[in-house]
C-alpha atoms as a PDB file:
ATOM      1  CA  MET A   1      -0.095  -0.071  -0.057  1.00  0.00           C
ATOM      2  CA  LYS A   2       1.509   3.328  -1.060  1.00  0.00           C
ATOM      3  CA  LEU A   3       1.680   6.422   1.042  1.00  0.00           C
ATOM      4  CA  TYR A   4      -0.859   8.098  -1.042  1.00  0.00           C
ATOM      5  CA  ASP A   5      -3.866   4.964  -0.433  1.00  0.00           C
ATOM      6  CA  LEU A   6      -2.732   5.115   3.566  1.00  0.00           C
ATOM      7  CA  LEU A   7      -3.599   9.020   3.789  1.00  0.00           C
ATOM      8  CA  GLN A   8      -6.533   7.852   1.749  1.00  0.00           C
ATOM      9  CA  PHE A   9      -7.890   5.509   3.759  1.00  0.00           C
ATOM     10  CA  SER A  10      -7.089   7.370   6.931  1.00  0.00           C
ATOM     11  CA  VAL A  11      -9.287  10.155   5.713  1.00  0.00           C
ATOM     12  CA  CYS A  12     -12.229   7.679   5.271  1.00  0.00           C
ATOM     13  CA  ILE A  13     -11.595   6.587   8.677  1.00  0.00           C
ATOM     14  CA  PHE A  14     -11.116   9.746  10.608  1.00  0.00           C
ATOM     15  CA  SER A  15     -14.382  11.424   8.984  1.00  0.00           C
ATOM     16  CA  ILE A  16     -16.247   8.350   9.839  1.00  0.00           C
ATOM     17  CA  LEU A  17     -15.327   8.964  13.128  1.00  0.00           C
ATOM     18  CA  ALA A  18     -15.752  12.295  13.303  1.00  0.00           C
ATOM     19  CA  ALA A  19     -19.542  11.809  11.993  1.00  0.00           C
ATOM     20  CA  GLY A  20     -19.736   9.277  14.324  1.00  0.00           C
ATOM     21  CA  PHE A  21     -18.740  11.271  17.688  1.00  0.00           C
ATOM     22  CA  TRP A  22     -20.828  14.633  16.804  1.00  0.00           C
ATOM     23  CA  LEU A  23     -23.721  12.303  16.424  1.00  0.00           C
ATOM     24  CA  ARG A  24     -23.357  11.225  19.453  1.00  0.00           C
ATOM     25  CA  SER A  25     -22.571  14.584  20.855  1.00  0.00           C
ATOM     26  CA  ALA A  26     -26.051  15.940  19.311  1.00  0.00           C
ATOM     27  CA  THR A  27     -28.102  13.132  20.448  1.00  0.00           C
ATOM     28  CA  THR A  28     -26.973  14.017  24.307  1.00  0.00           C
ATOM     29  CA  THR A  29     -30.455  14.069  26.717  1.00  0.00           C
ATOM     30  CA  LEU A  30     -29.951  17.242  28.167  1.00  0.00           C
ATOM     31  CA  PRO A  31     -31.944  17.331  31.369  1.00  0.00           C
ATOM     32  CA  ASN A  32     -34.440  19.738  32.439  1.00  0.00           C
ATOM     33  CA  LEU A  33     -32.830  22.951  33.357  1.00  0.00           C
ATOM     34  CA  THR A  34     -35.215  23.917  36.238  1.00  0.00           C
ATOM     35  CA  LYS A  35     -35.095  20.575  37.548  1.00  0.00           C
ATOM     36  CA  ASN A  36     -32.450  20.183  40.712  1.00  0.00           C
ATOM     37  CA  LEU A  37     -31.037  23.662  39.242  1.00  0.00           C
ATOM     38  CA  SER A  38     -27.352  23.872  40.921  1.00  0.00           C
ATOM     39  CA  TRP A  39     -24.958  26.827  40.089  1.00  0.00           C
ATOM     40  CA  ASP A  40     -21.701  25.270  41.440  1.00  0.00           C
ATOM     41  CA  GLY A  41     -20.980  23.551  38.242  1.00  0.00           C
ATOM     42  CA  THR A  42     -22.378  20.293  39.379  1.00  0.00           C
ATOM     43  CA  GLY A  43     -25.352  18.209  38.639  1.00  0.00           C
ATOM     44  CA  PRO A  44     -26.931  16.526  35.719  1.00  0.00           C
ATOM     45  CA  PHE A  45     -27.416  19.611  33.231  1.00  0.00           C
ATOM     46  CA  PRO A  46     -23.810  20.488  33.564  1.00  0.00           C
ATOM     47  CA  ASP A  47     -22.558  17.265  33.595  1.00  0.00           C
ATOM     48  CA  ALA A  48     -24.647  16.596  30.175  1.00  0.00           C
ATOM     49  CA  LEU A  49     -22.812  19.738  28.689  1.00  0.00           C
ATOM     50  CA  LYS A  50     -19.385  18.308  29.912  1.00  0.00           C
ATOM     51  CA  SER A  51     -20.474  14.774  28.154  1.00  0.00           C
ATOM     52  CA  GLN A  52     -21.777  16.662  24.826  1.00  0.00           C
ATOM     53  CA  SER A  53     -18.864  18.874  24.706  1.00  0.00           C
ATOM     54  CA  ARG A  54     -16.165  16.161  25.113  1.00  0.00           C
ATOM     55  CA  TRP A  55     -17.991  14.116  22.160  1.00  0.00           C
ATOM     56  CA  SER A  56     -17.403  17.441  20.137  1.00  0.00           C
ATOM     57  CA  ALA A  57     -14.059  17.666  21.021  1.00  0.00           C
ATOM     58  CA  ALA A  58     -13.465  14.038  19.537  1.00  0.00           C
ATOM     59  CA  GLY A  59     -15.201  14.764  16.383  1.00  0.00           C
ATOM     60  CA  ALA A  60     -13.531  17.884  16.208  1.00  0.00           C
ATOM     61  CA  THR A  61     -10.269  16.349  16.371  1.00  0.00           C
ATOM     62  CA  CYS A  62     -10.928  13.467  13.929  1.00  0.00           C
ATOM     63  CA  ALA A  63     -12.280  16.093  11.406  1.00  0.00           C
ATOM     64  CA  GLY A  64      -8.867  18.204  12.025  1.00  0.00           C
ATOM     65  CA  MET A  65      -6.811  14.841  11.370  1.00  0.00           C
ATOM     66  CA  ALA A  66      -8.991  13.848   8.339  1.00  0.00           C
ATOM     67  CA  ALA A  67      -8.298  17.089   6.976  1.00  0.00           C
ATOM     68  CA  LEU A  68      -4.671  17.135   7.366  1.00  0.00           C
ATOM     69  CA  SER A  69      -4.151  13.557   6.085  1.00  0.00           C
ATOM     70  CA  GLN A  70      -6.473  14.891   2.912  1.00  0.00           C
ATOM     71  CA  SER A  71      -3.847  18.045   2.835  1.00  0.00           C
ATOM     72  CA  LEU A  72      -1.042  15.725   2.909  1.00  0.00           C
ATOM     73  CA  ALA A  73      -2.480  13.436   0.029  1.00  0.00           C
ATOM     74  CA  VAL A  74      -2.691  16.093  -2.084  1.00  0.00           C
ATOM     75  CA  VAL A  75       0.692  18.020  -1.292  1.00  0.00           C
ATOM     76  CA  LEU A  76       2.838  15.032  -1.111  1.00  0.00           C
ATOM     77  CA  PRO A  77       2.487  13.914  -4.931  1.00  0.00           C
ATOM     78  CA  TYR A  78       4.025  17.222  -5.912  1.00  0.00           C
ATOM     79  CA  LEU A  79       6.956  17.290  -3.398  1.00  0.00           C
ATOM     80  CA  GLN A  80       7.909  13.695  -4.611  1.00  0.00           C
ATOM     81  CA  SER A  81       8.116  14.637  -8.350  1.00  0.00           C
ATOM     82  CA  ASN A  82      10.440  17.382  -7.486  1.00  0.00           C
END
């Protein structure tokens, strides 16, 4: 398997992972804000937001890796030909 093929494969994998992580982030159930309200950063609502943020961060990381892999796949052939 050539480096180009490996990079293209990693783009596919990272893209699928990003979509999955962002889907998980989007489907996080947020509890009722007025029920058991706590202003000290603890409780079910802040915990759900933290979980949602972690899933979203994982999705963004995978999307960044996919973009980096795609960029390298585009640039490397030009660098190797010179």
